[in-house]
Amino acid sequence: MAGSKPGRSKVQRDFEEYEDYRLSAEVVERIRLGKEDILKAEDFWHGLDDLTYTEHTSLGAHSRK
């Protein structure tokens, strides 16, 4: 969350939180209008149960079973 950054004034934190809210509201409006692609939870998680941990730089990290 933007407000947790150290060294920021209250005004800066409030502005960052306002920007986060504004951007979120824009996405919600695009979803409502059908202009934003969304995934069902089942589609998002599909196949992840079969993955095992590998280093992100290894070839196995990007392969499919």
PDB file of N, CA and C in Angstrom:
ATOM      1  N   MET A   1       0.828  -1.165   0.000  1.00  0.00           N
ATOM      2  CA  MET A   1       0.000   0.000   0.000  1.00  0.00           C
ATOM      3  C   MET A   1       0.881   1.238   0.000  1.00  0.00           C
ATOM      4  N   ALA A   2       0.472   2.250  -0.704  1.00  0.00           N
ATOM      5  CA  ALA A   2       1.282   3.439  -0.877  1.00  0.00           C
ATOM      6  C   ALA A   2       1.565   4.135   0.444  1.00  0.00           C
ATOM      7  N   GLY A   3       0.648   4.103   1.403  1.00  0.00           N
ATOM      8  CA  GLY A   3       0.815   4.798   2.660  1.00  0.00           C
ATOM      9  C   GLY A   3       1.880   4.210   3.560  1.00  0.00           C
ATOM     10  N   SER A   4       2.391   3.034   3.249  1.00  0.00           N
ATOM     11  CA  SER A   4       3.368   2.396   4.111  1.00  0.00           C
ATOM     12  C   SER A   4       4.807   2.722   3.730  1.00  0.00           C
ATOM     13  N   LYS A   5       5.024   3.537   2.693  1.00  0.00           N
ATOM     14  CA  LYS A   5       6.380   3.882   2.279  1.00  0.00           C
ATOM     15  C   LYS A   5       6.992   4.856   3.286  1.00  0.00           C
ATOM     16  N   PRO A   6       8.195   4.551   3.803  1.00  0.00           N
ATOM     17  CA  PRO A   6       8.826   5.458   4.763  1.00  0.00           C
ATOM     18  C   PRO A   6       9.319   6.729   4.059  1.00  0.00           C
ATOM     19  N   GLY A   7       9.413   7.807   4.810  1.00  0.00           N
ATOM     20  CA  GLY A   7       9.956   9.043   4.269  1.00  0.00           C
ATOM     21  C   GLY A   7       8.981   9.862   3.450  1.00  0.00           C
ATOM     22  N   ARG A   8       7.726   9.498   3.437  1.00  0.00           N
ATOM     23  CA  ARG A   8       6.711  10.239   2.680  1.00  0.00           C
ATOM     24  C   ARG A   8       5.917  11.128   3.617  1.00  0.00           C
ATOM     25  N   SER A   9       5.578  12.317   3.132  1.00  0.00           N
ATOM     26  CA  SER A   9       4.725  13.189   3.933  1.00  0.00           C
ATOM     27  C   SER A   9       3.283  12.691   3.860  1.00  0.00           C
ATOM     28  N   LYS A  10       2.446  13.175   4.768  1.00  0.00           N
ATOM     29  CA  LYS A  10       1.039  12.780   4.760  1.00  0.00           C
ATOM     30  C   LYS A  10       0.381  13.179   3.445  1.00  0.00           C
ATOM     31  N   VAL A  11       0.722  14.334   2.926  1.00  0.00           N
ATOM     32  CA  VAL A  11       0.146  14.791   1.658  1.00  0.00           C
ATOM     33  C   VAL A  11       0.543  13.839   0.522  1.00  0.00           C
ATOM     34  N   GLN A  12       1.809  13.442   0.482  1.00  0.00           N
ATOM     35  CA  GLN A  12       2.255  12.497  -0.549  1.00  0.00           C
ATOM     36  C   GLN A  12       1.547  11.159  -0.413  1.00  0.00           C
ATOM     37  N   ARG A  13       1.423  10.661   0.830  1.00  0.00           N
ATOM     38  CA  ARG A  13       0.734   9.381   1.046  1.00  0.00           C
ATOM     39  C   ARG A  13      -0.722   9.478   0.633  1.00  0.00           C
ATOM     40  N   ASP A  14      -1.374  10.569   1.017  1.00  0.00           N
ATOM     41  CA  ASP A  14      -2.779  10.748   0.646  1.00  0.00           C
ATOM     42  C   ASP A  14      -2.945  10.809  -0.864  1.00  0.00           C
ATOM     43  N   PHE A  15      -2.036  11.521  -1.542  1.00  0.00           N
ATOM     44  CA  PHE A  15      -2.114  11.620  -3.003  1.00  0.00           C
ATOM     45  C   PHE A  15      -1.919  10.251  -3.647  1.00  0.00           C
ATOM     46  N   GLU A  16      -0.932   9.492  -3.171  1.00  0.00           N
ATOM     47  CA  GLU A  16      -0.673   8.160  -3.727  1.00  0.00           C
ATOM     48  C   GLU A  16      -1.873   7.238  -3.502  1.00  0.00           C
ATOM     49  N   GLU A  17      -2.474   7.322  -2.334  1.00  0.00           N
ATOM     50  CA  GLU A  17      -3.651   6.498  -2.060  1.00  0.00           C
ATOM     51  C   GLU A  17      -4.822   6.922  -2.935  1.00  0.00           C
ATOM     52  N   TYR A  18      -4.967   8.228  -3.173  1.00  0.00           N
ATOM     53  CA  TYR A  18      -6.014   8.722  -4.070  1.00  0.00           C
ATOM     54  C   TYR A  18      -5.777   8.191  -5.482  1.00  0.00           C
ATOM     55  N   GLU A  19      -4.527   8.221  -5.945  1.00  0.00           N
ATOM     56  CA  GLU A  19      -4.209   7.712  -7.284  1.00  0.00           C
ATOM     57  C   GLU A  19      -4.506   6.220  -7.384  1.00  0.00           C
ATOM     58  N   ASP A  20      -4.159   5.453  -6.338  1.00  0.00           N
ATOM     59  CA  ASP A  20      -4.476   4.019  -6.320  1.00  0.00           C
ATOM     60  C   ASP A  20      -5.981   3.810  -6.443  1.00  0.00           C
ATOM     61  N   TYR A  21      -6.742   4.592  -5.686  1.00  0.00           N
ATOM     62  CA  TYR A  21      -8.199   4.489  -5.726  1.00  0.00           C
ATOM     63  C   TYR A  21      -8.730   4.858  -7.108  1.00  0.00           C
ATOM     64  N   ARG A  22      -8.225   5.955  -7.678  1.00  0.00           N
ATOM     65  CA  ARG A  22      -8.685   6.421  -8.984  1.00  0.00           C
ATOM     66  C   ARG A  22      -8.425   5.371 -10.065  1.00  0.00           C
ATOM     67  N   LEU A  23      -7.217   4.808 -10.062  1.00  0.00           N
ATOM     68  CA  LEU A  23      -6.888   3.790 -11.060  1.00  0.00           C
ATOM     69  C   LEU A  23      -7.756   2.547 -10.882  1.00  0.00           C
ATOM     70  N   SER A  24      -7.998   2.152  -9.634  1.00  0.00           N
ATOM     71  CA  SER A  24      -8.863   0.998  -9.370  1.00  0.00           C
ATOM     72  C   SER A  24     -10.279   1.254  -9.858  1.00  0.00           C
ATOM     73  N   ALA A  25     -10.780   2.461  -9.613  1.00  0.00           N
ATOM     74  CA  ALA A  25     -12.131   2.814 -10.055  1.00  0.00           C
ATOM     75  C   ALA A  25     -12.233   2.782 -11.575  1.00  0.00           C
ATOM     76  N   GLU A  26     -11.164   3.194 -12.267  1.00  0.00           N
ATOM     77  CA  GLU A  26     -11.168   3.137 -13.730  1.00  0.00           C
ATOM     78  C   GLU A  26     -11.252   1.701 -14.235  1.00  0.00           C
ATOM     79  N   VAL A  27     -10.520   0.796 -13.589  1.00  0.00           N
ATOM     80  CA  VAL A  27     -10.549  -0.613 -13.997  1.00  0.00           C
ATOM     81  C   VAL A  27     -11.936  -1.198 -13.750  1.00  0.00           C
ATOM     82  N   VAL A  28     -12.522  -0.890 -12.590  1.00  0.00           N
ATOM     83  CA  VAL A  28     -13.865  -1.391 -12.277  1.00  0.00           C
ATOM     84  C   VAL A  28     -14.859  -0.903 -13.325  1.00  0.00           C
ATOM     85  N   GLU A  29     -14.747   0.343 -13.742  1.00  0.00           N
ATOM     86  CA  GLU A  29     -15.655   0.882 -14.751  1.00  0.00           C
ATOM     87  C   GLU A  29     -15.459   0.183 -16.099  1.00  0.00           C
ATOM     88  N   ARG A  30     -14.194  -0.088 -16.483  1.00  0.00           N
ATOM     89  CA  ARG A  30     -13.948  -0.812 -17.739  1.00  0.00           C
ATOM     90  C   ARG A  30     -14.513  -2.227 -17.674  1.00  0.00           C
ATOM     91  N   ILE A  31     -14.427  -2.865 -16.511  1.00  0.00           N
ATOM     92  CA  ILE A  31     -15.011  -4.204 -16.342  1.00  0.00           C
ATOM     93  C   ILE A  31     -16.524  -4.120 -16.488  1.00  0.00           C
ATOM     94  N   ARG A  32     -17.131  -3.126 -15.843  1.00  0.00           N
ATOM     95  CA  ARG A  32     -18.583  -2.951 -15.903  1.00  0.00           C
ATOM     96  C   ARG A  32     -19.056  -2.742 -17.332  1.00  0.00           C
ATOM     97  N   LEU A  33     -18.268  -2.019 -18.129  1.00  0.00           N
ATOM     98  CA  LEU A  33     -18.641  -1.737 -19.516  1.00  0.00           C
ATOM     99  C   LEU A  33     -18.257  -2.865 -20.477  1.00  0.00           C
ATOM    100  N   GLY A  34     -17.579  -3.890 -19.958  1.00  0.00           N
ATOM    101  CA  GLY A  34     -17.163  -5.008 -20.800  1.00  0.00           C
ATOM    102  C   GLY A  34     -15.937  -4.709 -21.641  1.00  0.00           C
ATOM    103  N   LYS A  35     -15.176  -3.695 -21.272  1.00  0.00           N
ATOM    104  CA  LYS A  35     -13.983  -3.305 -22.029  1.00  0.00           C
ATOM    105  C   LYS A  35     -12.695  -3.867 -21.436  1.00  0.00           C
ATOM    106  N   GLU A  36     -12.807  -4.581 -20.334  1.00  0.00           N
ATOM    107  CA  GLU A  36     -11.637  -5.140 -19.663  1.00  0.00           C
ATOM    108  C   GLU A  36     -11.781  -6.649 -19.616  1.00  0.00           C
ATOM    109  N   ASP A  37     -10.742  -7.363 -20.040  1.00  0.00           N
ATOM    110  CA  ASP A  37     -10.780  -8.824 -19.967  1.00  0.00           C
ATOM    111  C   ASP A  37     -10.585  -9.260 -18.516  1.00  0.00           C
ATOM    112  N   ILE A  38     -11.395 -10.206 -18.094  1.00  0.00           N
ATOM    113  CA  ILE A  38     -11.256 -10.749 -16.749  1.00  0.00           C
ATOM    114  C   ILE A  38     -11.238 -12.268 -16.844  1.00  0.00           C
ATOM    115  N   LEU A  39     -10.651 -12.901 -15.848  1.00  0.00           N
ATOM    116  CA  LEU A  39     -10.589 -14.355 -15.787  1.00  0.00           C
ATOM    117  C   LEU A  39     -11.426 -14.839 -14.620  1.00  0.00           C
ATOM    118  N   LYS A  40     -12.057 -15.966 -14.815  1.00  0.00           N
ATOM    119  CA  LYS A  40     -12.703 -16.645 -13.693  1.00  0.00           C
ATOM    120  C   LYS A  40     -11.595 -17.250 -12.844  1.00  0.00           C
ATOM    121  N   ALA A  41     -11.857 -17.415 -11.562  1.00  0.00           N
ATOM    122  CA  ALA A  41     -10.847 -17.970 -10.659  1.00  0.00           C
ATOM    123  C   ALA A  41     -10.378 -19.340 -11.131  1.00  0.00           C
ATOM    124  N   GLU A  42     -11.305 -20.151 -11.639  1.00  0.00           N
ATOM    125  CA  GLU A  42     -10.924 -21.491 -12.098  1.00  0.00           C
ATOM    126  C   GLU A  42      -9.938 -21.407 -13.258  1.00  0.00           C
ATOM    127  N   ASP A  43     -10.153 -20.452 -14.162  1.00  0.00           N
ATOM    128  CA  ASP A  43      -9.243 -20.291 -15.297  1.00  0.00           C
ATOM    129  C   ASP A  43      -7.876 -19.790 -14.855  1.00  0.00           C
ATOM    130  N   PHE A  44      -7.860 -18.881 -13.886  1.00  0.00           N
ATOM    131  CA  PHE A  44      -6.594 -18.344 -13.385  1.00  0.00           C
ATOM    132  C   PHE A  44      -5.742 -19.439 -12.758  1.00  0.00           C
ATOM    133  N   TRP A  45      -6.363 -20.292 -11.934  1.00  0.00           N
ATOM    134  CA  TRP A  45      -5.625 -21.306 -11.192  1.00  0.00           C
ATOM    135  C   TRP A  45      -5.459 -22.611 -11.958  1.00  0.00           C
ATOM    136  N   HIS A  46      -6.088 -22.757 -13.113  1.00  0.00           N
ATOM    137  CA  HIS A  46      -6.047 -24.007 -13.883  1.00  0.00           C
ATOM    138  C   HIS A  46      -4.605 -24.433 -14.157  1.00  0.00           C
ATOM    139  N   GLY A  47      -4.266 -25.637 -13.772  1.00  0.00           N
ATOM    140  CA  GLY A  47      -2.955 -26.195 -14.053  1.00  0.00           C
ATOM    141  C   GLY A  47      -1.884 -25.865 -13.040  1.00  0.00           C
ATOM    142  N   LEU A  48      -2.130 -24.938 -12.130  1.00  0.00           N
ATOM    143  CA  LEU A  48      -1.090 -24.563 -11.181  1.00  0.00           C
ATOM    144  C   LEU A  48      -0.843 -25.641 -10.140  1.00  0.00           C
ATOM    145  N   ASP A  49      -1.795 -26.520  -9.900  1.00  0.00           N
ATOM    146  CA  ASP A  49      -1.592 -27.596  -8.939  1.00  0.00           C
ATOM    147  C   ASP A  49      -0.517 -28.570  -9.398  1.00  0.00           C
ATOM    148  N   ASP A  50      -0.256 -28.626 -10.710  1.00  0.00           N
ATOM    149  CA  ASP A  50       0.722 -29.556 -11.246  1.00  0.00           C
ATOM    150  C   ASP A  50       2.146 -29.001 -11.228  1.00  0.00           C
ATOM    151  N   LEU A  51       2.305 -27.727 -10.915  1.00  0.00           N
ATOM    152  CA  LEU A  51       3.627 -27.117 -10.944  1.00  0.00           C
ATOM    153  C   LEU A  51       4.411 -27.460  -9.686  1.00  0.00           C
ATOM    154  N   THR A  52       5.708 -27.593  -9.843  1.00  0.00           N
ATOM    155  CA  THR A  52       6.591 -27.748  -8.698  1.00  0.00           C
ATOM    156  C   THR A  52       7.550 -26.575  -8.704  1.00  0.00           C
ATOM    157  N   TYR A  53       8.133 -26.267  -7.558  1.00  0.00           N
ATOM    158  CA  TYR A  53       9.028 -25.121  -7.458  1.00  0.00           C
ATOM    159  C   TYR A  53      10.312 -25.370  -8.242  1.00  0.00           C
ATOM    160  N   THR A  54      10.667 -24.426  -9.069  1.00  0.00           N
ATOM    161  CA  THR A  54      11.970 -24.429  -9.735  1.00  0.00           C
ATOM    162  C   THR A  54      12.470 -23.000  -9.740  1.00  0.00           C
ATOM    163  N   GLU A  55      13.755 -22.840  -9.859  1.00  0.00           N
ATOM    164  CA  GLU A  55      14.311 -21.493  -9.955  1.00  0.00           C
ATOM    165  C   GLU A  55      13.780 -20.839 -11.218  1.00  0.00           C
ATOM    166  N   HIS A  56      13.461 -19.550 -11.151  1.00  0.00           N
ATOM    167  CA  HIS A  56      12.856 -18.876 -12.292  1.00  0.00           C
ATOM    168  C   HIS A  56      13.794 -18.808 -13.494  1.00  0.00           C
ATOM    169  N   THR A  57      15.096 -18.996 -13.288  1.00  0.00           N
ATOM    170  CA  THR A  57      16.030 -18.949 -14.411  1.00  0.00           C
ATOM    171  C   THR A  57      16.222 -20.308 -15.070  1.00  0.00           C
ATOM    172  N   SER A  58      15.702 -21.375 -14.461  1.00  0.00           N
ATOM    173  CA  SER A  58      15.893 -22.694 -15.038  1.00  0.00           C
ATOM    174  C   SER A  58      14.897 -22.940 -16.173  1.00  0.00           C
ATOM    175  N   LEU A  59      15.267 -23.799 -17.092  1.00  0.00           N
ATOM    176  CA  LEU A  59      14.381 -24.128 -18.193  1.00  0.00           C
ATOM    177  C   LEU A  59      13.118 -24.818 -17.708  1.00  0.00           C
ATOM    178  N   GLY A  60      13.216 -25.548 -16.610  1.00  0.00           N
ATOM    179  CA  GLY A  60      12.055 -26.255 -16.066  1.00  0.00           C
ATOM    180  C   GLY A  60      10.979 -25.325 -15.546  1.00  0.00           C
ATOM    181  N   ALA A  61      11.358 -24.115 -15.226  1.00  0.00           N
ATOM    182  CA  ALA A  61      10.377 -23.167 -14.694  1.00  0.00           C
ATOM    183  C   ALA A  61       9.356 -22.770 -15.755  1.00  0.00           C
ATOM    184  N   HIS A  62       9.708 -22.908 -17.015  1.00  0.00           N
ATOM    185  CA  HIS A  62       8.820 -22.481 -18.087  1.00  0.00           C
ATOM    186  C   HIS A  62       8.273 -23.653 -18.908  1.00  0.00           C
ATOM    187  N   SER A  63       8.538 -24.856 -18.456  1.00  0.00           N
ATOM    188  CA  SER A  63       8.070 -26.007 -19.218  1.00  0.00           C
ATOM    189  C   SER A  63       6.746 -26.507 -18.685  1.00  0.00           C
ATOM    190  N   ARG A  64       6.042 -27.271 -19.504  1.00  0.00           N
ATOM    191  CA  ARG A  64       4.794 -27.887 -19.080  1.00  0.00           C
ATOM    192  C   ARG A  64       5.015 -29.372 -18.908  1.00  0.00           C
ATOM    193  N   LYS A  65       4.228 -29.972 -18.031  1.00  0.00           N
ATOM    194  CA  LYS A  65       4.331 -31.433 -17.837  1.00  0.00           C
ATOM    195  C   LYS A  65       3.738 -32.153 -19.001  1.00  0.00           C
TER     196      LYS A  65
END
